[in-house]
Amino acid sequence: MKASLLLPSLLVLGLATGCASAPTVAPAPDYNKIEADILKEVAPQVTGRWTLEEVTYKPRPLFQRPTSLPKDTVLRQFATLTLAPVQVPRKGRNGRPEFEGQLTYLSKTYPVYFSLHASPDRTFRQQGPPAYFLLEYNFPVGSHQTEPEEQFLQDIGLIGEQFSLEAEAGQRTMRWQGLDRHLKSITLRR
């Protein structure tokens, strides 16, 4: 008799459980909006005139070390960098903030460019640096004779290098971390 009551009781319990309201599911985050918000917050802090106050050079074994710098060097007051939003945005940047400017090193000035990309760590997990970029020369299209100073900036990993960028609103400093080559970090000051 007990076994015959068990099956109907389980059926009633299953129906009662199935009729209970389903738990509410939070909507999926809009990662495009989160990325846009991060870049909107960081972009205004990038513009201005900066001194590359402290550049930490640490050669990495996969890249040839320039002979003019000893191993593990800190360069102070290395160069100046003036940055402003681009006048004409490049195609395919999807509205990401773009900057152009002038890098002055040893009394020579070179045009530079970069586009900010929100950090996946910050976008998905709300941690880590807010943005990344690739610093590159911005010479006009056509032939260009490479100068020794210009080549040196490439050899040490300042130009053609990917950096993470950290800057806080209202602060006079910004910090770049080199991701690929010889420059471990750069502290910039307004």
N, C-alpha and C. Protein backbone atom coordinates (compact mmCIF):
# COMPACT_ATOMS: atom_id res chain seq x y z
N MET A 1 0.81 -1.18 0.00
CA MET A 1 0.00 0.00 0.00
C MET A 1 0.86 1.25 0.00
N LYS A 2 1.90 1.23 0.77
CA LYS A 2 2.78 2.40 0.82
C LYS A 2 3.43 2.65 -0.53
N ALA A 3 3.80 1.62 -1.24
CA ALA A 3 4.42 1.77 -2.55
C ALA A 3 3.44 2.35 -3.54
N SER A 4 2.16 1.99 -3.42
CA SER A 4 1.18 2.51 -4.37
C SER A 4 0.91 3.99 -4.12
N LEU A 5 1.09 4.50 -2.93
CA LEU A 5 0.91 5.92 -2.64
C LEU A 5 2.16 6.74 -2.98
N LEU A 6 3.29 6.10 -3.03
CA LEU A 6 4.55 6.79 -3.30
C LEU A 6 4.58 7.36 -4.72
N LEU A 7 4.17 6.58 -5.70
CA LEU A 7 4.21 7.05 -7.09
C LEU A 7 3.30 8.26 -7.31
N PRO A 8 2.04 8.24 -6.88
CA PRO A 8 1.21 9.44 -7.07
C PRO A 8 1.73 10.64 -6.28
N SER A 9 2.30 10.41 -5.13
CA SER A 9 2.85 11.53 -4.34
C SER A 9 4.02 12.18 -5.07
N LEU A 10 4.86 11.36 -5.66
CA LEU A 10 5.98 11.91 -6.43
C LEU A 10 5.50 12.69 -7.64
N LEU A 11 4.45 12.19 -8.30
CA LEU A 11 3.89 12.90 -9.46
C LEU A 11 3.32 14.26 -9.04
N VAL A 12 2.61 14.31 -7.97
CA VAL A 12 2.03 15.56 -7.48
C VAL A 12 3.15 16.53 -7.09
N LEU A 13 4.16 16.01 -6.43
CA LEU A 13 5.30 16.85 -6.02
C LEU A 13 6.03 17.39 -7.25
N GLY A 14 6.21 16.56 -8.27
CA GLY A 14 6.87 16.99 -9.50
C GLY A 14 6.07 18.07 -10.21
N LEU A 15 4.75 17.91 -10.26
CA LEU A 15 3.90 18.92 -10.89
C LEU A 15 3.94 20.22 -10.11
N ALA A 16 3.91 20.14 -8.81
CA ALA A 16 3.95 21.34 -7.98
C ALA A 16 5.27 22.08 -8.15
N THR A 17 6.35 21.33 -8.25
CA THR A 17 7.66 21.95 -8.44
C THR A 17 7.76 22.57 -9.82
N GLY A 18 7.22 21.89 -10.82
CA GLY A 18 7.26 22.40 -12.19
C GLY A 18 6.43 23.66 -12.36
N CYS A 19 5.38 23.80 -11.58
CA CYS A 19 4.50 24.97 -11.70
C CYS A 19 5.06 26.18 -10.97
N ALA A 20 6.04 25.99 -10.13
CA ALA A 20 6.64 27.12 -9.41
C ALA A 20 7.27 28.07 -10.41
N SER A 21 7.32 29.32 -10.05
CA SER A 21 7.86 30.32 -10.98
C SER A 21 9.35 30.06 -11.22
N ALA A 22 9.74 30.27 -12.46
CA ALA A 22 11.13 30.07 -12.83
C ALA A 22 11.97 31.21 -12.26
N PRO A 23 13.21 30.91 -11.88
CA PRO A 23 14.05 31.98 -11.34
C PRO A 23 14.34 33.02 -12.43
N THR A 24 14.42 34.26 -12.02
CA THR A 24 14.71 35.32 -12.98
C THR A 24 16.20 35.30 -13.33
N VAL A 25 16.47 35.51 -14.60
CA VAL A 25 17.85 35.51 -15.09
C VAL A 25 18.23 36.95 -15.42
N ALA A 26 19.36 37.37 -14.90
CA ALA A 26 19.83 38.73 -15.17
C ALA A 26 20.17 38.86 -16.65
N PRO A 27 19.85 40.00 -17.25
CA PRO A 27 20.19 40.16 -18.67
C PRO A 27 21.70 40.15 -18.87
N ALA A 28 22.12 39.68 -20.02
CA ALA A 28 23.55 39.62 -20.34
C ALA A 28 24.11 41.04 -20.42
N PRO A 29 25.29 41.27 -19.90
CA PRO A 29 25.88 42.61 -19.98
C PRO A 29 26.14 43.00 -21.44
N ASP A 30 26.01 44.29 -21.71
CA ASP A 30 26.30 44.81 -23.05
C ASP A 30 27.78 45.21 -23.06
N TYR A 31 28.62 44.29 -23.52
CA TYR A 31 30.06 44.52 -23.47
C TYR A 31 30.50 45.65 -24.40
N ASN A 32 29.79 45.89 -25.48
CA ASN A 32 30.12 47.02 -26.34
C ASN A 32 29.93 48.33 -25.61
N LYS A 33 28.86 48.43 -24.81
CA LYS A 33 28.62 49.65 -24.04
C LYS A 33 29.67 49.79 -22.93
N ILE A 34 30.01 48.68 -22.28
CA ILE A 34 31.03 48.72 -21.23
C ILE A 34 32.35 49.19 -21.81
N GLU A 35 32.73 48.65 -22.98
CA GLU A 35 33.97 49.07 -23.64
C GLU A 35 33.93 50.56 -23.99
N ALA A 36 32.82 51.01 -24.54
CA ALA A 36 32.68 52.42 -24.91
C ALA A 36 32.79 53.32 -23.68
N ASP A 37 32.19 52.90 -22.56
CA ASP A 37 32.26 53.69 -21.33
C ASP A 37 33.69 53.78 -20.79
N ILE A 38 34.42 52.66 -20.86
CA ILE A 38 35.82 52.66 -20.40
C ILE A 38 36.63 53.64 -21.23
N LEU A 39 36.50 53.55 -22.55
CA LEU A 39 37.28 54.43 -23.43
C LEU A 39 36.87 55.89 -23.28
N LYS A 40 35.59 56.13 -23.05
CA LYS A 40 35.10 57.50 -22.86
C LYS A 40 35.71 58.12 -21.60
N GLU A 41 35.93 57.29 -20.59
CA GLU A 41 36.54 57.77 -19.34
C GLU A 41 38.03 58.02 -19.49
N VAL A 42 38.73 57.15 -20.22
CA VAL A 42 40.19 57.24 -20.33
C VAL A 42 40.64 58.30 -21.33
N ALA A 43 39.95 58.42 -22.46
CA ALA A 43 40.40 59.27 -23.57
C ALA A 43 40.73 60.71 -23.18
N PRO A 44 39.91 61.41 -22.41
CA PRO A 44 40.25 62.80 -22.09
C PRO A 44 41.53 62.96 -21.27
N GLN A 45 41.93 61.90 -20.57
CA GLN A 45 43.10 61.97 -19.72
C GLN A 45 44.41 61.83 -20.51
N VAL A 46 44.32 61.45 -21.78
CA VAL A 46 45.50 61.18 -22.58
C VAL A 46 46.05 62.45 -23.24
N THR A 47 45.18 63.38 -23.58
CA THR A 47 45.63 64.56 -24.31
C THR A 47 46.51 65.46 -23.44
N GLY A 48 47.39 66.18 -24.12
CA GLY A 48 48.26 67.13 -23.42
C GLY A 48 49.72 66.92 -23.77
N ARG A 49 50.56 67.68 -23.08
CA ARG A 49 52.01 67.58 -23.27
C ARG A 49 52.58 66.79 -22.11
N TRP A 50 53.30 65.71 -22.43
CA TRP A 50 53.84 64.80 -21.44
C TRP A 50 55.35 64.71 -21.54
N THR A 51 55.99 64.54 -20.41
CA THR A 51 57.41 64.22 -20.36
C THR A 51 57.53 62.75 -20.02
N LEU A 52 58.29 62.01 -20.82
CA LEU A 52 58.56 60.61 -20.50
C LEU A 52 59.61 60.66 -19.40
N GLU A 53 59.12 60.78 -18.19
CA GLU A 53 59.97 61.06 -17.04
C GLU A 53 60.87 59.89 -16.64
N GLU A 54 60.32 58.70 -16.67
CA GLU A 54 61.11 57.54 -16.27
C GLU A 54 60.77 56.38 -17.21
N VAL A 55 61.77 55.94 -17.96
CA VAL A 55 61.60 54.84 -18.91
C VAL A 55 62.47 53.69 -18.43
N THR A 56 61.84 52.57 -18.10
CA THR A 56 62.56 51.40 -17.60
C THR A 56 62.79 50.43 -18.74
N TYR A 57 64.06 50.25 -19.07
CA TYR A 57 64.48 49.39 -20.18
C TYR A 57 65.02 48.09 -19.61
N LYS A 58 64.45 46.98 -20.04
CA LYS A 58 64.92 45.67 -19.60
C LYS A 58 64.88 44.76 -20.82
N PRO A 59 66.04 44.44 -21.39
CA PRO A 59 66.05 43.63 -22.61
C PRO A 59 65.43 42.26 -22.40
N ARG A 60 64.71 41.83 -23.41
CA ARG A 60 64.09 40.49 -23.37
C ARG A 60 64.86 39.59 -24.32
N PRO A 61 65.05 38.35 -23.97
CA PRO A 61 65.94 37.47 -24.72
C PRO A 61 65.53 37.22 -26.18
N LEU A 62 64.26 37.33 -26.51
CA LEU A 62 63.84 37.05 -27.88
C LEU A 62 64.17 38.18 -28.86
N PHE A 63 64.54 39.33 -28.33
CA PHE A 63 64.83 40.49 -29.19
C PHE A 63 66.30 40.89 -29.03
N GLN A 64 66.87 41.34 -30.11
CA GLN A 64 68.27 41.76 -30.07
C GLN A 64 68.37 43.05 -29.26
N ARG A 65 69.31 43.12 -28.35
CA ARG A 65 69.48 44.30 -27.49
C ARG A 65 70.33 45.33 -28.21
N PRO A 66 69.85 46.59 -28.26
CA PRO A 66 70.69 47.63 -28.84
C PRO A 66 71.99 47.77 -28.05
N THR A 67 73.07 48.01 -28.74
CA THR A 67 74.38 48.06 -28.08
C THR A 67 74.59 49.34 -27.29
N SER A 68 73.81 50.38 -27.56
CA SER A 68 74.05 51.66 -26.88
C SER A 68 73.49 51.70 -25.46
N LEU A 69 72.65 50.75 -25.07
CA LEU A 69 72.10 50.76 -23.72
C LEU A 69 72.56 49.54 -22.94
N PRO A 70 73.06 49.76 -21.72
CA PRO A 70 73.41 48.60 -20.89
C PRO A 70 72.13 47.90 -20.42
N LYS A 71 72.31 46.70 -19.94
CA LYS A 71 71.20 45.90 -19.45
C LYS A 71 70.52 46.59 -18.26
N ASP A 72 69.19 46.49 -18.18
CA ASP A 72 68.40 47.02 -17.08
C ASP A 72 68.74 48.49 -16.77
N THR A 73 68.26 49.37 -17.61
CA THR A 73 68.56 50.80 -17.51
C THR A 73 67.28 51.58 -17.24
N VAL A 74 67.40 52.64 -16.44
CA VAL A 74 66.30 53.58 -16.24
C VAL A 74 66.73 54.90 -16.86
N LEU A 75 65.96 55.35 -17.83
CA LEU A 75 66.24 56.61 -18.52
C LEU A 75 65.32 57.69 -17.95
N ARG A 76 65.88 58.79 -17.55
CA ARG A 76 65.09 59.87 -16.95
C ARG A 76 65.01 61.05 -17.92
N GLN A 77 63.85 61.72 -17.89
CA GLN A 77 63.61 62.87 -18.78
C GLN A 77 63.97 62.48 -20.22
N PHE A 78 63.47 61.37 -20.67
CA PHE A 78 63.87 60.76 -21.93
C PHE A 78 63.41 61.53 -23.16
N ALA A 79 62.16 61.95 -23.17
CA ALA A 79 61.59 62.63 -24.35
C ALA A 79 60.34 63.37 -23.92
N THR A 80 59.77 64.14 -24.85
CA THR A 80 58.47 64.76 -24.60
C THR A 80 57.49 64.28 -25.67
N LEU A 81 56.24 64.27 -25.29
CA LEU A 81 55.19 63.76 -26.17
C LEU A 81 53.98 64.67 -26.04
N THR A 82 53.52 65.19 -27.16
CA THR A 82 52.32 66.02 -27.19
C THR A 82 51.25 65.24 -27.92
N LEU A 83 50.09 65.06 -27.28
CA LEU A 83 49.02 64.25 -27.86
C LEU A 83 47.72 65.03 -27.93
N ALA A 84 46.96 64.79 -29.01
CA ALA A 84 45.65 65.39 -29.21
C ALA A 84 44.79 64.40 -30.00
N PRO A 85 43.47 64.51 -29.90
CA PRO A 85 42.62 63.65 -30.73
C PRO A 85 42.90 63.90 -32.21
N VAL A 86 42.78 62.86 -33.02
CA VAL A 86 43.06 63.00 -34.45
C VAL A 86 42.08 63.96 -35.11
N GLN A 87 42.55 64.65 -36.13
CA GLN A 87 41.68 65.55 -36.89
C GLN A 87 40.77 64.76 -37.84
N VAL A 88 41.35 63.73 -38.49
CA VAL A 88 40.59 62.90 -39.42
C VAL A 88 40.72 61.44 -38.95
N PRO A 89 39.65 60.86 -38.42
CA PRO A 89 39.72 59.47 -37.95
C PRO A 89 40.02 58.50 -39.09
N ARG A 90 40.72 57.44 -38.78
CA ARG A 90 41.02 56.40 -39.76
C ARG A 90 39.84 55.45 -39.90
N LYS A 91 39.74 54.84 -41.05
CA LYS A 91 38.66 53.88 -41.29
C LYS A 91 38.88 52.63 -40.47
N GLY A 92 37.77 52.01 -40.06
CA GLY A 92 37.84 50.73 -39.37
C GLY A 92 38.19 50.80 -37.90
N ARG A 93 38.14 51.96 -37.28
CA ARG A 93 38.49 52.06 -35.85
C ARG A 93 37.25 51.94 -34.96
N ASN A 94 36.08 51.80 -35.54
CA ASN A 94 34.83 51.57 -34.81
C ASN A 94 34.58 52.59 -33.70
N GLY A 95 34.91 53.83 -33.95
CA GLY A 95 34.66 54.88 -32.97
C GLY A 95 35.60 54.89 -31.79
N ARG A 96 36.64 54.08 -31.82
CA ARG A 96 37.61 54.08 -30.73
C ARG A 96 38.39 55.40 -30.75
N PRO A 97 38.77 55.91 -29.59
CA PRO A 97 39.53 57.15 -29.55
C PRO A 97 40.89 56.99 -30.24
N GLU A 98 41.23 57.96 -31.08
CA GLU A 98 42.50 57.96 -31.80
C GLU A 98 43.26 59.23 -31.44
N PHE A 99 44.56 59.10 -31.34
CA PHE A 99 45.40 60.24 -30.97
C PHE A 99 46.58 60.35 -31.92
N GLU A 100 46.97 61.59 -32.17
CA GLU A 100 48.18 61.85 -32.95
C GLU A 100 48.96 62.92 -32.19
N GLY A 101 50.23 62.99 -32.49
CA GLY A 101 51.03 63.96 -31.78
C GLY A 101 52.46 63.98 -32.25
N GLN A 102 53.28 64.60 -31.43
CA GLN A 102 54.69 64.78 -31.74
C GLN A 102 55.52 64.21 -30.59
N LEU A 103 56.48 63.37 -30.95
CA LEU A 103 57.44 62.84 -29.99
C LEU A 103 58.76 63.55 -30.25
N THR A 104 59.28 64.23 -29.23
CA THR A 104 60.55 64.94 -29.37
C THR A 104 61.60 64.20 -28.57
N TYR A 105 62.65 63.78 -29.30
CA TYR A 105 63.76 63.04 -28.69
C TYR A 105 65.05 63.61 -29.26
N LEU A 106 65.98 64.04 -28.38
CA LEU A 106 67.27 64.62 -28.78
C LEU A 106 67.09 65.72 -29.82
N SER A 107 66.19 66.63 -29.57
CA SER A 107 65.89 67.80 -30.41
C SER A 107 65.34 67.45 -31.80
N LYS A 108 64.94 66.21 -31.99
CA LYS A 108 64.29 65.80 -33.24
C LYS A 108 62.85 65.44 -32.91
N THR A 109 61.96 65.83 -33.82
CA THR A 109 60.53 65.61 -33.59
C THR A 109 59.98 64.65 -34.63
N TYR A 110 59.19 63.69 -34.14
CA TYR A 110 58.61 62.66 -35.01
C TYR A 110 57.10 62.60 -34.78
N PRO A 111 56.32 62.47 -35.87
CA PRO A 111 54.87 62.33 -35.70
C PRO A 111 54.52 60.92 -35.24
N VAL A 112 53.59 60.82 -34.29
CA VAL A 112 53.18 59.51 -33.77
C VAL A 112 51.66 59.40 -33.78
N TYR A 113 51.19 58.18 -33.67
CA TYR A 113 49.75 57.90 -33.71
C TYR A 113 49.46 56.66 -32.87
N PHE A 114 48.28 56.62 -32.25
CA PHE A 114 47.76 55.38 -31.67
C PHE A 114 46.25 55.46 -31.49
N SER A 115 45.65 54.29 -31.40
CA SER A 115 44.22 54.14 -31.18
C SER A 115 44.03 53.32 -29.91
N LEU A 116 43.15 53.78 -29.03
CA LEU A 116 42.92 53.07 -27.77
C LEU A 116 41.94 51.91 -27.96
N HIS A 117 42.21 50.82 -27.27
CA HIS A 117 41.33 49.66 -27.22
C HIS A 117 41.10 49.32 -25.76
N ALA A 118 39.86 49.09 -25.38
CA ALA A 118 39.57 48.75 -23.99
C ALA A 118 40.17 47.38 -23.65
N SER A 119 40.68 47.27 -22.47
CA SER A 119 41.27 46.02 -21.99
C SER A 119 40.17 44.98 -21.78
N PRO A 120 40.35 43.77 -22.30
CA PRO A 120 39.36 42.71 -22.03
C PRO A 120 39.20 42.43 -20.53
N ASP A 121 40.30 42.49 -19.77
CA ASP A 121 40.20 42.27 -18.33
C ASP A 121 39.28 43.29 -17.68
N ARG A 122 39.42 44.56 -18.08
CA ARG A 122 38.57 45.60 -17.51
C ARG A 122 37.14 45.46 -18.01
N THR A 123 36.97 45.10 -19.27
CA THR A 123 35.64 44.98 -19.85
C THR A 123 34.85 43.84 -19.23
N PHE A 124 35.47 42.68 -19.08
CA PHE A 124 34.75 41.50 -18.61
C PHE A 124 34.81 41.28 -17.11
N ARG A 125 35.91 41.68 -16.46
CA ARG A 125 36.10 41.38 -15.04
C ARG A 125 36.29 42.61 -14.15
N GLN A 126 36.24 43.80 -14.73
CA GLN A 126 36.41 45.06 -13.99
C GLN A 126 37.71 45.10 -13.21
N GLN A 127 38.78 44.58 -13.81
CA GLN A 127 40.10 44.63 -13.18
C GLN A 127 41.16 44.81 -14.26
N GLY A 128 42.35 45.21 -13.87
CA GLY A 128 43.44 45.38 -14.82
C GLY A 128 43.43 46.77 -15.42
N PRO A 129 44.39 47.03 -16.33
CA PRO A 129 44.48 48.35 -16.95
C PRO A 129 43.27 48.60 -17.84
N PRO A 130 42.85 49.86 -17.96
CA PRO A 130 41.65 50.14 -18.76
C PRO A 130 41.85 50.05 -20.26
N ALA A 131 43.05 50.32 -20.76
CA ALA A 131 43.21 50.40 -22.22
C ALA A 131 44.56 49.90 -22.69
N TYR A 132 44.60 49.55 -23.99
CA TYR A 132 45.82 49.14 -24.69
C TYR A 132 45.96 49.96 -25.95
N PHE A 133 47.18 50.07 -26.45
CA PHE A 133 47.41 50.75 -27.72
C PHE A 133 48.75 50.33 -28.30
N LEU A 134 48.91 50.60 -29.59
CA LEU A 134 50.16 50.36 -30.32
C LEU A 134 50.68 51.72 -30.75
N LEU A 135 51.83 52.13 -30.23
CA LEU A 135 52.43 53.42 -30.59
C LEU A 135 53.22 53.24 -31.88
N GLU A 136 52.91 54.07 -32.88
CA GLU A 136 53.60 53.96 -34.16
C GLU A 136 53.86 55.33 -34.75
N TYR A 137 54.84 55.39 -35.65
CA TYR A 137 55.11 56.63 -36.36
C TYR A 137 53.93 56.95 -37.27
N ASN A 138 53.77 58.23 -37.55
CA ASN A 138 52.65 58.69 -38.37
C ASN A 138 53.17 59.57 -39.52
N PHE A 139 54.16 59.07 -40.23
CA PHE A 139 54.72 59.83 -41.35
C PHE A 139 53.74 59.84 -42.51
N PRO A 140 53.77 60.89 -43.34
CA PRO A 140 52.92 60.91 -44.53
C PRO A 140 53.29 59.74 -45.46
N VAL A 141 52.33 59.34 -46.25
CA VAL A 141 52.56 58.24 -47.19
C VAL A 141 53.62 58.67 -48.20
N GLY A 142 54.54 57.79 -48.50
CA GLY A 142 55.62 58.08 -49.44
C GLY A 142 56.95 57.64 -48.87
N SER A 143 57.99 57.95 -49.59
CA SER A 143 59.32 57.53 -49.13
C SER A 143 59.76 58.36 -47.93
N HIS A 144 60.54 57.70 -47.10
CA HIS A 144 61.02 58.37 -45.89
C HIS A 144 62.36 57.77 -45.51
N GLN A 145 63.35 58.60 -45.32
CA GLN A 145 64.69 58.16 -44.91
C GLN A 145 64.71 58.01 -43.39
N THR A 146 65.01 56.84 -42.89
CA THR A 146 65.04 56.59 -41.45
C THR A 146 66.31 57.17 -40.84
N GLU A 147 66.13 58.00 -39.81
CA GLU A 147 67.27 58.61 -39.11
C GLU A 147 67.73 57.67 -37.99
N PRO A 148 68.99 57.80 -37.56
CA PRO A 148 69.49 56.93 -36.48
C PRO A 148 68.68 57.05 -35.19
N GLU A 149 68.26 58.26 -34.82
CA GLU A 149 67.48 58.46 -33.60
C GLU A 149 66.12 57.76 -33.72
N GLU A 150 65.55 57.86 -34.89
CA GLU A 150 64.27 57.22 -35.17
C GLU A 150 64.39 55.70 -35.06
N GLN A 151 65.46 55.17 -35.59
CA GLN A 151 65.70 53.73 -35.52
C GLN A 151 65.94 53.28 -34.08
N PHE A 152 66.66 54.10 -33.31
CA PHE A 152 66.91 53.80 -31.90
C PHE A 152 65.60 53.68 -31.13
N LEU A 153 64.65 54.59 -31.38
CA LEU A 153 63.36 54.54 -30.70
C LEU A 153 62.60 53.25 -31.02
N GLN A 154 62.78 52.76 -32.23
CA GLN A 154 62.18 51.47 -32.60
C GLN A 154 62.94 50.31 -31.94
N ASP A 155 64.26 50.38 -31.94
CA ASP A 155 65.08 49.29 -31.39
C ASP A 155 64.84 49.05 -29.90
N ILE A 156 64.65 50.12 -29.15
CA ILE A 156 64.44 49.93 -27.71
C ILE A 156 62.99 49.53 -27.40
N GLY A 157 62.11 49.65 -28.38
CA GLY A 157 60.73 49.22 -28.17
C GLY A 157 59.77 50.32 -27.78
N LEU A 158 60.11 51.57 -28.06
CA LEU A 158 59.14 52.65 -27.80
C LEU A 158 58.15 52.73 -28.96
N ILE A 159 58.66 52.71 -30.17
CA ILE A 159 57.82 52.77 -31.36
C ILE A 159 57.61 51.35 -31.88
N GLY A 160 56.38 51.07 -32.28
CA GLY A 160 56.06 49.73 -32.75
C GLY A 160 55.82 48.76 -31.61
N GLU A 161 55.54 49.28 -30.44
CA GLU A 161 55.33 48.47 -29.25
C GLU A 161 53.89 48.63 -28.77
N GLN A 162 53.36 47.58 -28.18
CA GLN A 162 52.05 47.62 -27.56
C GLN A 162 52.22 47.92 -26.09
N PHE A 163 51.37 48.80 -25.60
CA PHE A 163 51.41 49.22 -24.20
C PHE A 163 50.04 49.10 -23.57
N SER A 164 50.02 48.84 -22.27
CA SER A 164 48.79 49.05 -21.51
C SER A 164 48.91 50.47 -20.94
N LEU A 165 47.77 51.10 -20.74
CA LEU A 165 47.75 52.49 -20.31
C LEU A 165 46.90 52.60 -19.05
N GLU A 166 47.44 53.29 -18.06
CA GLU A 166 46.68 53.59 -16.85
C GLU A 166 46.82 55.07 -16.55
N ALA A 167 45.68 55.74 -16.43
CA ALA A 167 45.66 57.16 -16.09
C ALA A 167 44.42 57.41 -15.25
N GLU A 168 44.54 58.26 -14.26
CA GLU A 168 43.40 58.57 -13.40
C GLU A 168 42.99 60.00 -13.62
N ALA A 169 41.68 60.23 -13.58
CA ALA A 169 41.15 61.57 -13.79
C ALA A 169 41.75 62.54 -12.77
N GLY A 170 42.16 63.69 -13.25
CA GLY A 170 42.70 64.72 -12.38
C GLY A 170 44.15 64.54 -11.98
N GLN A 171 44.78 63.46 -12.39
CA GLN A 171 46.18 63.21 -12.03
C GLN A 171 47.11 63.76 -13.11
N ARG A 172 48.30 64.08 -12.73
CA ARG A 172 49.29 64.62 -13.67
C ARG A 172 50.25 63.55 -14.17
N THR A 173 49.97 62.29 -13.86
CA THR A 173 50.83 61.21 -14.33
C THR A 173 50.00 60.16 -15.08
N MET A 174 50.70 59.45 -15.94
CA MET A 174 50.11 58.35 -16.69
C MET A 174 51.19 57.27 -16.73
N ARG A 175 50.78 56.03 -16.75
CA ARG A 175 51.74 54.93 -16.74
C ARG A 175 51.45 53.99 -17.90
N TRP A 176 52.51 53.67 -18.63
CA TRP A 176 52.43 52.70 -19.72
C TRP A 176 53.27 51.49 -19.32
N GLN A 177 52.75 50.31 -19.59
CA GLN A 177 53.49 49.07 -19.39
C GLN A 177 53.75 48.46 -20.77
N GLY A 178 55.01 48.19 -21.10
CA GLY A 178 55.33 47.54 -22.35
C GLY A 178 54.90 46.09 -22.31
N LEU A 179 54.34 45.61 -23.41
CA LEU A 179 53.80 44.25 -23.42
C LEU A 179 54.66 43.26 -24.19
N ASP A 180 55.47 43.73 -25.12
CA ASP A 180 56.16 42.79 -25.99
C ASP A 180 57.68 42.84 -25.93
N ARG A 181 58.24 44.02 -25.94
CA ARG A 181 59.68 44.11 -26.15
C ARG A 181 60.41 44.63 -24.93
N HIS A 182 61.37 45.53 -25.12
CA HIS A 182 62.33 45.89 -24.08
C HIS A 182 61.85 46.88 -23.03
N LEU A 183 60.87 47.71 -23.33
CA LEU A 183 60.48 48.72 -22.35
C LEU A 183 59.49 48.11 -21.37
N LYS A 184 59.92 48.03 -20.14
CA LYS A 184 59.09 47.44 -19.10
C LYS A 184 57.99 48.41 -18.70
N SER A 185 58.35 49.66 -18.47
CA SER A 185 57.35 50.66 -18.07
C SER A 185 57.83 52.05 -18.42
N ILE A 186 56.85 52.95 -18.55
CA ILE A 186 57.14 54.37 -18.78
C ILE A 186 56.21 55.16 -17.88
N THR A 187 56.78 56.08 -17.12
CA THR A 187 55.99 57.00 -16.31
C THR A 187 56.02 58.35 -17.02
N LEU A 188 54.84 58.85 -17.38
CA LEU A 188 54.73 60.14 -18.06
C LEU A 188 54.15 61.16 -17.09
N ARG A 189 54.63 62.38 -17.16
CA ARG A 189 54.14 63.45 -16.28
C ARG A 189 53.83 64.69 -17.11
N ARG A 190 52.72 65.33 -16.79
CA ARG A 190 52.32 66.58 -17.48
C ARG A 190 53.23 67.71 -17.06
